Amino acid sequence: MNRTLAPTSPVSHPFDAAAAAYDADFTATQLARWLREAVWRVLGEPFHPGDRVLELGCGTGEDAVWLAQRGVHVTATDASLSMLHVAHRKAAAAGVSDLIDFAAIDLSAMPATDHRSLITDHRPPFTGAFSNFGPLNCLADRQPLAAALARWLRPGGVVVLVVMGPTCPWEIGWHLLHGQPRAAFRRLRGGVEAHVGDGATIPVWYPSPWTLASEFSHDFDVIELRGIGSILPPSYLSHLVDRLPRLFSRLAKLDERIGAIWPATWLNDHYLMVLEKK
């Protein structure tokens, strides 16, 4: 049975401020479609009809709906009630509400709150889990989350994580060109404040692939690593794609071909890591 938690106030979490405009500002852009399709090509491999998958930081539900349309049961979670509200409407409009459960979960609250009853609801362990486009960047330490996933997933369960990395050539070059060296190298600093909409900010961290793998190493093995947006710009530069669509269309194809090859696995806007529970 589908469930959601409706917002009780206009803004109760920083990302509530971004919920209403998120799809127009990001999801619907050509750049975002290329990036998300690159993720979907990987995400569709381990998860199949009938699987039960946990999503961490579902945002407006774009990935949850895509998986549900392929017969995957998704428990979609987010700390922002406004994001969940938009995702719930999107699932209903797509006719997949019966395949998606929604739960308000703040990943930063672990391990203080296990969320066991809210997540498992006395059902079998999850087949796998995923997180797309940076929710894990909102955590200073991801080891408590890794330990929780180890409890919630069945043996051999697959986790797909898309995380913003510490070294984005586009971002460095763009800000240096505009005389902004501090912004150019901001990802190398931990806990830097990022704007998420309507003046709201949230601290973010940019773990390297080595750091992320180490944080999950007790219970998970890395089975794949690839760059997402190695030669495509970050989302805040999507206006460049609109100005030069043919050029960036070629770059998007090249980005897909080289994503799994070093140094694209380390120099990128995001990287995708696939892990398997031991």
Protein backbone atom coordinates (compact mmCIF):
# COMPACT_ATOMS: atom_id res chain seq x y z
CA MET A 1 0.00 0.00 0.00
CA ASN A 2 1.34 3.43 -0.97
CA ARG A 3 2.05 5.83 1.87
CA THR A 4 3.40 9.35 2.19
CA LEU A 5 3.85 12.03 4.81
CA ALA A 6 2.33 15.38 3.87
CA PRO A 7 4.13 18.60 4.75
CA THR A 8 2.98 20.16 8.01
CA SER A 9 4.62 23.54 7.37
CA PRO A 10 5.73 25.49 4.27
CA VAL A 11 9.46 24.86 4.92
CA SER A 12 10.76 22.38 7.50
CA HIS A 13 13.91 21.17 5.72
CA PRO A 14 16.35 23.12 3.48
CA PHE A 15 15.39 21.10 0.39
CA ASP A 16 11.71 21.97 0.89
CA ALA A 17 12.58 25.33 -0.65
CA ALA A 18 13.75 23.64 -3.86
CA ALA A 19 10.93 21.12 -4.28
CA ALA A 20 8.47 23.18 -6.32
CA ALA A 21 11.01 24.27 -8.95
CA TYR A 22 13.35 21.24 -8.91
CA ASP A 23 11.92 19.49 -11.96
CA ALA A 24 11.84 22.66 -14.05
CA ASP A 25 15.31 23.75 -12.94
CA PHE A 26 17.01 20.36 -13.24
CA THR A 27 14.99 17.27 -14.19
CA ALA A 28 13.54 18.72 -17.40
CA THR A 29 16.82 20.12 -18.75
CA GLN A 30 18.63 18.35 -21.56
CA LEU A 31 21.78 18.08 -19.48
CA ALA A 32 19.93 16.37 -16.62
CA ARG A 33 18.25 13.96 -19.04
CA TRP A 34 21.64 12.87 -20.38
CA LEU A 35 23.06 12.44 -16.89
CA ARG A 36 20.03 10.56 -15.59
CA GLU A 37 19.89 8.27 -18.62
CA ALA A 38 23.54 7.37 -17.97
CA VAL A 39 22.58 6.39 -14.43
CA TRP A 40 19.52 4.46 -15.62
CA ARG A 41 21.64 2.36 -17.95
CA VAL A 42 23.44 1.06 -14.86
CA LEU A 43 20.47 1.11 -12.49
CA GLY A 44 18.41 -1.12 -14.75
CA GLU A 45 20.94 -3.96 -14.65
CA PRO A 46 20.74 -5.24 -11.04
CA PHE A 47 17.06 -4.43 -10.33
CA HIS A 48 14.29 -6.46 -11.96
CA PRO A 49 10.48 -6.81 -11.81
CA GLY A 50 9.42 -8.04 -8.39
CA ASP A 51 12.57 -6.79 -6.62
CA ARG A 52 12.18 -4.61 -3.53
CA VAL A 53 14.55 -1.64 -3.61
CA LEU A 54 15.28 1.17 -1.15
CA GLU A 55 15.93 4.68 -2.49
CA LEU A 56 17.88 7.12 -0.35
CA GLY A 57 17.04 10.74 -1.10
CA CYS A 58 14.33 10.30 -3.74
CA GLY A 59 13.77 14.00 -4.38
CA THR A 60 10.79 14.44 -6.69
CA GLY A 61 10.60 10.72 -7.45
CA GLU A 62 11.93 10.58 -11.01
CA ASP A 63 14.05 7.46 -10.45
CA ALA A 64 11.45 5.72 -8.27
CA VAL A 65 8.81 6.15 -10.97
CA TRP A 66 11.20 4.89 -13.66
CA LEU A 67 11.94 1.71 -11.70
CA ALA A 68 8.28 1.20 -10.76
CA GLN A 69 7.30 1.41 -14.43
CA ARG A 70 9.59 -1.60 -14.88
CA GLY A 71 7.87 -3.58 -12.14
CA VAL A 72 10.31 -2.85 -9.30
CA HIS A 73 8.85 -2.17 -5.82
CA VAL A 74 10.49 0.98 -4.42
CA THR A 75 10.57 2.38 -0.90
CA ALA A 76 11.42 6.00 -1.67
CA THR A 77 12.77 8.07 1.21
CA ASP A 78 13.72 11.70 1.65
CA ALA A 79 14.27 14.15 4.49
CA SER A 80 12.19 16.80 2.70
CA LEU A 81 8.43 16.40 3.10
CA SER A 82 7.86 18.80 0.21
CA MET A 83 9.99 16.63 -2.09
CA LEU A 84 8.00 13.58 -0.99
CA HIS A 85 4.76 15.39 -1.70
CA VAL A 86 5.86 16.15 -5.28
CA ALA A 87 7.09 12.56 -5.73
CA HIS A 88 3.78 11.18 -4.49
CA ARG A 89 1.86 13.22 -7.05
CA LYS A 90 4.25 12.14 -9.80
CA ALA A 91 3.80 8.45 -8.92
CA ALA A 92 0.02 8.84 -8.99
CA ALA A 93 0.12 10.60 -12.36
CA ALA A 94 2.29 7.78 -13.77
CA GLY A 95 -0.07 5.12 -12.43
CA VAL A 96 2.57 3.38 -10.29
CA SER A 97 1.45 4.36 -6.78
CA ASP A 98 0.88 0.71 -5.89
CA LEU A 99 4.60 0.00 -6.44
CA ILE A 100 6.07 2.90 -4.45
CA ASP A 101 6.02 3.50 -0.69
CA PHE A 102 7.18 6.86 0.61
CA ALA A 103 8.89 7.47 3.96
CA ALA A 104 10.33 10.62 5.55
CA ILE A 105 13.85 9.67 6.64
CA ASP A 106 16.76 11.96 7.47
CA LEU A 107 19.95 10.05 6.68
CA SER A 108 21.94 12.30 9.00
CA ALA A 109 19.91 11.01 11.98
CA MET A 110 21.56 7.60 11.83
CA PRO A 111 22.64 5.80 13.95
CA ALA A 112 20.60 7.73 16.54
CA THR A 113 17.48 6.47 14.75
CA ASP A 114 17.57 3.05 13.12
CA HIS A 115 14.31 3.48 11.16
CA ARG A 116 14.00 -0.32 11.22
CA SER A 117 10.21 -0.45 11.67
CA LEU A 118 9.60 2.34 9.15
CA ILE A 119 11.87 0.76 6.55
CA THR A 120 11.31 -2.98 6.85
CA ASP A 121 7.73 -3.07 8.11
CA HIS A 122 8.31 -6.76 8.98
CA ARG A 123 8.88 -7.62 5.32
CA PRO A 124 11.87 -9.50 3.84
CA PRO A 125 15.17 -7.62 3.41
CA PHE A 126 15.60 -5.34 0.43
CA THR A 127 16.99 -6.70 -2.82
CA GLY A 128 19.12 -3.60 -3.13
CA ALA A 129 19.35 0.15 -2.64
CA PHE A 130 20.36 3.25 -4.56
CA SER A 131 20.93 6.97 -4.19
CA ASN A 132 21.15 9.32 -7.15
CA PHE A 133 22.68 12.79 -7.63
CA GLY A 134 24.24 13.46 -4.27
CA PRO A 135 22.03 12.85 -1.20
CA LEU A 136 25.04 11.12 0.38
CA ASN A 137 26.99 14.37 -0.02
CA CYS A 138 24.83 15.78 2.77
CA LEU A 139 26.53 13.39 5.23
CA ALA A 140 29.88 14.11 6.83
CA ASP A 141 30.31 10.40 7.59
CA ARG A 142 28.57 7.66 5.60
CA GLN A 143 29.68 4.70 7.72
CA PRO A 144 26.49 4.64 9.85
CA LEU A 145 24.47 4.49 6.65
CA ALA A 146 26.65 1.68 5.31
CA ALA A 147 26.06 -0.28 8.53
CA ALA A 148 22.30 0.29 8.28
CA LEU A 149 22.22 -0.88 4.66
CA ALA A 150 24.10 -4.01 5.68
CA ARG A 151 21.26 -4.77 8.09
CA TRP A 152 18.48 -3.97 5.64
CA LEU A 153 19.80 -5.74 2.52
CA ARG A 154 19.88 -9.46 1.84
CA PRO A 155 23.25 -11.16 1.15
CA GLY A 156 24.42 -10.32 -2.35
CA GLY A 157 22.24 -7.19 -2.38
CA VAL A 158 23.43 -4.44 -4.73
CA VAL A 159 23.83 -0.77 -3.84
CA VAL A 160 24.14 1.90 -6.55
CA LEU A 161 25.43 5.27 -5.30
CA VAL A 162 25.80 8.45 -7.37
CA VAL A 163 27.91 10.95 -5.45
CA MET A 164 29.47 14.33 -6.22
CA GLY A 165 33.23 13.87 -6.27
CA PRO A 166 35.95 16.24 -5.03
CA THR A 167 37.50 17.08 -8.41
CA CYS A 168 35.27 18.45 -11.17
CA PRO A 169 37.38 19.85 -14.05
CA TRP A 170 34.47 21.87 -15.45
CA GLU A 171 33.81 23.52 -12.11
CA ILE A 172 37.47 24.29 -11.48
CA GLY A 173 37.99 25.74 -14.95
CA TRP A 174 34.78 27.75 -14.97
CA HIS A 175 35.40 29.49 -11.65
CA LEU A 176 39.09 30.11 -12.32
CA LEU A 177 38.12 31.70 -15.64
CA HIS A 178 35.78 34.00 -13.71
CA GLY A 179 38.37 34.89 -11.07
CA GLN A 180 36.80 32.79 -8.30
CA PRO A 181 39.57 30.48 -7.00
CA ARG A 182 37.80 29.77 -3.70
CA ALA A 183 34.70 28.54 -5.54
CA ALA A 184 36.89 26.60 -7.99
CA PHE A 185 38.30 24.39 -5.25
CA ARG A 186 35.38 24.41 -2.81
CA ARG A 187 34.88 20.65 -3.13
CA LEU A 188 38.22 20.07 -1.44
CA ARG A 189 36.84 21.64 1.75
CA GLY A 190 34.53 19.64 4.02
CA GLY A 191 31.20 21.01 5.17
CA VAL A 192 31.01 23.86 2.67
CA GLU A 193 27.59 25.52 2.52
CA ALA A 194 25.68 24.87 -0.71
CA HIS A 195 22.64 26.82 -1.87
CA VAL A 196 19.58 24.63 -2.47
CA GLY A 197 16.94 27.21 -3.36
CA ASP A 198 15.12 30.28 -2.04
CA GLY A 199 18.11 31.31 0.08
CA ALA A 200 18.32 27.99 1.94
CA THR A 201 21.72 26.35 2.40
CA ILE A 202 22.99 23.00 3.60
CA PRO A 203 26.52 21.77 4.42
CA VAL A 204 27.92 19.28 1.92
CA TRP A 205 30.98 17.02 1.68
CA TYR A 206 32.67 15.54 -1.39
CA PRO A 207 34.15 12.10 -0.66
CA SER A 208 36.55 10.59 -3.17
CA PRO A 209 35.77 7.13 -4.59
CA TRP A 210 38.51 5.76 -2.32
CA THR A 211 36.90 7.33 0.76
CA LEU A 212 33.42 6.08 -0.12
CA ALA A 213 34.68 2.56 -0.82
CA SER A 214 36.53 2.57 2.50
CA GLU A 215 33.42 3.66 4.40
CA PHE A 216 31.45 0.73 2.95
CA SER A 217 34.28 -1.81 2.97
CA HIS A 218 33.26 -3.67 6.15
CA ASP A 219 30.14 -5.11 4.53
CA PHE A 220 30.35 -4.29 0.81
CA ASP A 221 32.69 -4.89 -2.15
CA VAL A 222 32.99 -2.40 -5.01
CA ILE A 223 32.11 -4.05 -8.32
CA GLU A 224 31.91 -1.01 -10.62
CA LEU A 225 33.01 2.63 -10.74
CA ARG A 226 32.32 5.15 -13.47
CA GLY A 227 32.19 8.91 -13.92
CA ILE A 228 28.89 10.66 -14.61
CA GLY A 229 29.54 14.03 -16.16
CA SER A 230 33.26 13.62 -16.74
CA ILE A 231 33.23 15.95 -19.73
CA LEU A 232 29.72 17.35 -19.33
CA PRO A 233 29.30 20.46 -17.14
CA PRO A 234 27.59 20.63 -13.72
CA SER A 235 23.85 21.31 -13.69
CA TYR A 236 24.26 25.03 -12.91
CA LEU A 237 25.92 25.38 -16.34
CA SER A 238 23.07 23.75 -18.25
CA HIS A 239 22.53 27.03 -20.12
CA LEU A 240 25.72 26.24 -22.06
CA VAL A 241 24.12 23.02 -23.31
CA ASP A 242 21.10 24.98 -24.51
CA ARG A 243 23.36 27.35 -26.46
CA LEU A 244 25.48 24.62 -28.09
CA PRO A 245 23.24 21.53 -28.35
CA ARG A 246 25.15 19.78 -31.15
CA LEU A 247 28.51 20.09 -29.41
CA PHE A 248 27.22 18.86 -26.09
CA SER A 249 25.27 16.04 -27.71
CA ARG A 250 28.59 14.71 -29.01
CA LEU A 251 30.18 15.24 -25.60
CA ALA A 252 27.34 13.31 -23.94
CA LYS A 253 28.03 10.29 -26.16
CA LEU A 254 31.75 10.53 -25.46
CA ASP A 255 31.04 10.92 -21.74
CA GLU A 256 29.20 7.59 -21.75
CA ARG A 257 32.00 5.81 -23.59
CA ILE A 258 34.80 6.95 -21.31
CA GLY A 259 32.95 6.94 -17.98
CA ALA A 260 34.41 3.65 -16.76
CA ILE A 261 37.98 4.56 -17.78
CA TRP A 262 40.48 6.36 -15.53
CA PRO A 263 40.79 9.35 -15.09
CA ALA A 264 37.10 9.83 -15.87
CA THR A 265 36.31 7.70 -12.82
CA TRP A 266 37.95 10.33 -10.60
CA LEU A 267 37.62 13.59 -12.55
CA ASN A 268 33.89 14.27 -12.87
CA ASP A 269 30.86 16.12 -11.54
CA HIS A 270 29.46 12.86 -10.10
CA TYR A 271 30.73 9.30 -9.95
CA LEU A 272 28.65 6.13 -9.83
CA MET A 273 29.71 3.29 -7.56
CA VAL A 274 28.11 -0.15 -7.55
CA LEU A 275 28.66 -2.23 -4.41
CA GLU A 276 27.62 -5.74 -3.45
CA LYS A 277 26.87 -6.91 0.07
CA LYS A 278 29.34 -9.56 1.23
